[in-house]
Structure formats: C-alpha cells, structure tokens
C-alpha cells in the first residue's frame, strides 16, 4: 500500500457493484455462438477422405523414391539407357508420374470440396500434397523425356 497523495484509486473493485455485465447476448459473442456448433463429420466423399487418399498415393511414390535418381541420371547427367532397359525404366517413370498425378487430382478435389466446416488439417494436407505431387509430376515428365532421348 502506497502512502503518497497521488495514489487514491481503489485497488479492488467494490463488491457492491456486482459482476461486470455481459456485453450482449450469445448471438453477438462469437466464442459463445461457436460453442454449440457441432464438429463436422467426414464421410466417404468428404474433403478429409480425398486429402488422405492423395497423401497415401503420394506416399507410394515417395517410399520408392527412385524417380529423383532417374531424373538425375537421364536429365542432369545426360546418360542414356541400354536398349533392353529403356522400356523398363520408362514404365517405372510412367507409373511414378501417374501416381503423382492421381495424388494431385485427389488433393485438388479435397481443396474444392472443403468449405468453412472442413477441418484445417484437411486443407493444409491437401495443399502440401498438391505442391509436392506437382513437383514429382514435373520430375517424371522431364525424366521420361530424358530417357526417351
């Protein structure tokens, strides 16, 4: 407690004043209005399903991870495949590029079907899958062109 003349304000609120009044009804307060909002439920054709499907398709390409090796081999180093292996390597590149394109398609579908009620992780996962998948599709196209040359 201060003994100076300047400090004359009370340190505690008066109990006679009562609790502070709520500023408006629950319809005006966004926190209270959102408290009763139900959590959206995903289904077979929901944005969450498409986003996870895109991730799983992209995971098959990333788990194999031979596509960057083939890209470096054919495009960056300028090597040529042996005649007996060229068709096999082109088929491998085609499968990796096709799965990447399908992952991009599923994740883009997840972004188009997501709305205000979708979970935030759905949009983040779909966006990341579209970006990485697009880079892998571009890598596959360039590697295929390098292998065909």
Protein backbone atom coordinates (compact mmCIF):
# COMPACT_ATOMS: atom_id res chain seq x y z
CA UNK A 1 0.00 0.00 0.00
CA UNK A 2 1.28 3.38 -1.01
CA UNK A 3 1.17 6.41 1.29
CA UNK A 4 1.55 9.03 -1.43
CA UNK A 5 -1.21 11.57 -2.08
CA UNK A 6 -1.38 10.72 -5.83
CA UNK A 7 -2.46 7.09 -5.32
CA UNK A 8 -6.10 7.50 -4.39
CA UNK A 9 -7.63 4.92 -6.75
CA UNK A 10 -9.09 1.77 -5.17
CA UNK A 11 -7.08 -1.41 -5.66
CA UNK A 12 -10.02 -3.82 -5.62
CA UNK A 13 -13.43 -3.48 -7.23
CA UNK A 14 -16.30 -2.71 -4.95
CA UNK A 15 -18.37 -5.80 -4.18
CA UNK A 16 -21.47 -3.60 -4.24
CA UNK A 17 -21.07 -3.04 -8.00
CA UNK A 18 -21.60 -6.75 -8.72
CA UNK A 19 -20.12 -8.75 -11.56
CA UNK A 20 -19.48 -6.95 -14.83
CA UNK A 21 -22.42 -7.20 -17.20
CA UNK A 22 -22.09 -9.40 -20.27
CA UNK A 23 -21.64 -7.38 -23.43
CA UNK A 24 -24.58 -8.58 -25.48
CA UNK A 25 -26.27 -11.90 -25.96
CA UNK A 26 -24.62 -15.15 -27.02
CA UNK A 27 -25.57 -14.45 -30.65
CA UNK A 28 -23.30 -11.42 -30.67
CA UNK A 29 -20.38 -13.10 -28.94
CA UNK A 30 -18.59 -15.35 -31.49
CA UNK A 31 -16.99 -17.53 -28.83
CA UNK A 32 -20.28 -18.38 -27.20
CA UNK A 33 -22.03 -18.76 -30.55
CA UNK A 34 -19.43 -21.27 -31.79
CA UNK A 35 -19.53 -23.30 -28.58
CA UNK A 36 -22.68 -25.12 -29.66
CA UNK A 37 -21.51 -25.73 -33.24
CA UNK A 38 -21.26 -29.46 -33.98
CA UNK A 39 -18.00 -30.85 -35.30
CA UNK A 40 -18.34 -31.78 -38.99
CA UNK A 41 -18.41 -35.48 -39.64
CA UNK A 42 -16.41 -36.81 -42.58
CA UNK A 43 -17.83 -39.33 -44.95
CA UNK A 44 -16.72 -41.41 -47.88
CA UNK A 45 -16.83 -38.43 -50.25
CA UNK A 46 -15.62 -35.77 -47.82
CA UNK A 47 -12.65 -33.46 -48.15
CA UNK A 48 -10.84 -35.38 -45.40
CA UNK A 49 -11.11 -38.64 -47.33
CA UNK A 50 -9.82 -37.12 -50.57
CA UNK A 51 -6.96 -35.42 -48.74
CA UNK A 52 -5.83 -38.63 -47.03
CA UNK A 53 -6.19 -40.60 -50.28
CA UNK A 54 -3.93 -38.11 -52.04
CA UNK A 55 -1.38 -38.43 -49.27
CA UNK A 56 -1.40 -42.23 -49.44
CA UNK A 57 -0.98 -42.19 -53.21
CA UNK A 58 1.92 -39.78 -52.92
CA UNK A 59 3.46 -41.88 -50.15
CA UNK A 60 3.82 -44.80 -52.56
CA UNK A 61 5.89 -42.64 -54.90
CA UNK A 62 7.97 -41.16 -52.09
CA UNK A 63 8.57 -44.58 -50.49
CA UNK A 64 10.06 -45.92 -53.72
CA UNK A 65 11.97 -42.67 -54.32
CA UNK A 66 13.63 -43.90 -57.48
CA UNK A 67 12.21 -41.02 -59.50
CA UNK A 68 14.82 -38.44 -58.37
CA UNK A 69 17.59 -40.94 -59.19
CA UNK A 70 16.24 -41.48 -62.68
CA UNK A 71 15.80 -37.73 -63.14
CA UNK A 72 19.41 -37.12 -62.16
CA UNK A 73 20.61 -39.97 -64.32
CA UNK A 74 18.82 -39.03 -67.53
CA UNK A 75 18.35 -35.26 -67.28
CA UNK A 76 21.20 -33.91 -65.20
CA UNK A 77 23.94 -36.37 -66.17
CA UNK A 78 22.70 -36.90 -69.71
CA UNK A 79 23.16 -40.66 -69.56
CA UNK A 80 21.38 -42.99 -71.94
CA UNK A 81 19.66 -46.22 -71.02
CA UNK A 82 20.71 -49.50 -72.54
CA UNK A 83 18.31 -50.66 -75.27
CA UNK A 84 16.98 -53.55 -73.17
CA UNK A 85 16.35 -51.39 -70.08
CA UNK A 86 14.90 -48.29 -71.72
CA UNK A 87 11.33 -49.60 -71.84
CA UNK A 88 11.52 -50.84 -68.25
CA UNK A 89 12.81 -47.51 -66.95
CA UNK A 90 10.23 -45.57 -68.94
CA UNK A 91 7.48 -47.76 -67.49
CA UNK A 92 8.77 -47.12 -63.98
CA UNK A 93 8.83 -43.38 -64.62
CA UNK A 94 5.32 -43.53 -66.08
CA UNK A 95 3.92 -45.33 -63.03
CA UNK A 96 5.55 -42.86 -60.62
CA UNK A 97 4.29 -39.89 -62.64
CA UNK A 98 0.81 -41.36 -62.93
CA UNK A 99 0.53 -41.99 -59.20
CA UNK A 100 1.79 -38.46 -58.53
CA UNK A 101 -0.77 -37.02 -60.93
CA UNK A 102 -3.53 -39.04 -59.28
CA UNK A 103 -2.42 -37.77 -55.86
CA UNK A 104 -2.55 -34.19 -57.15
CA UNK A 105 -6.03 -34.82 -58.56
CA UNK A 106 -7.36 -36.26 -55.29
CA UNK A 107 -5.86 -33.45 -53.21
CA UNK A 108 -7.19 -30.79 -55.57
CA UNK A 109 -10.61 -32.42 -55.24
CA UNK A 110 -10.20 -32.21 -51.46
CA UNK A 111 -9.48 -28.49 -51.75
CA UNK A 112 -12.53 -27.91 -53.95
CA UNK A 113 -14.87 -29.87 -51.69
CA UNK A 114 -13.60 -28.32 -48.45
CA UNK A 115 -15.60 -25.50 -47.00
CA UNK A 116 -15.93 -23.47 -43.87
CA UNK A 117 -16.94 -26.57 -41.91
CA UNK A 118 -13.90 -28.62 -43.00
CA UNK A 119 -11.09 -29.24 -40.61
CA UNK A 120 -7.99 -27.08 -41.03
CA UNK A 121 -5.61 -30.03 -41.33
CA UNK A 122 -7.51 -31.17 -44.42
CA UNK A 123 -6.70 -28.02 -46.34
CA UNK A 124 -3.08 -27.97 -45.15
CA UNK A 125 -2.51 -31.61 -46.10
CA UNK A 126 -4.21 -31.22 -49.47
CA UNK A 127 -2.19 -28.11 -50.29
CA UNK A 128 1.10 -29.77 -49.38
CA UNK A 129 0.20 -32.85 -51.41
CA UNK A 130 -0.68 -30.74 -54.44
CA UNK A 131 2.63 -28.87 -54.25
CA UNK A 132 4.86 -31.92 -53.76
CA UNK A 133 2.87 -34.02 -56.20
CA UNK A 134 3.11 -31.34 -58.89
CA UNK A 135 6.87 -31.24 -58.49
CA UNK A 136 7.03 -35.02 -58.81
CA UNK A 137 4.85 -34.96 -61.94
CA UNK A 138 7.19 -32.38 -63.48
CA UNK A 139 10.16 -34.51 -62.49
CA UNK A 140 8.56 -37.58 -64.09
CA UNK A 141 7.84 -35.75 -67.35
CA UNK A 142 11.41 -34.48 -67.60
CA UNK A 143 12.88 -37.89 -66.67
CA UNK A 144 10.68 -39.62 -69.25
CA UNK A 145 11.77 -37.17 -71.95
CA UNK A 146 15.41 -37.70 -70.95
CA UNK A 147 15.03 -41.48 -71.03
CA UNK A 148 13.35 -41.39 -74.44
CA UNK A 149 16.15 -39.32 -75.97
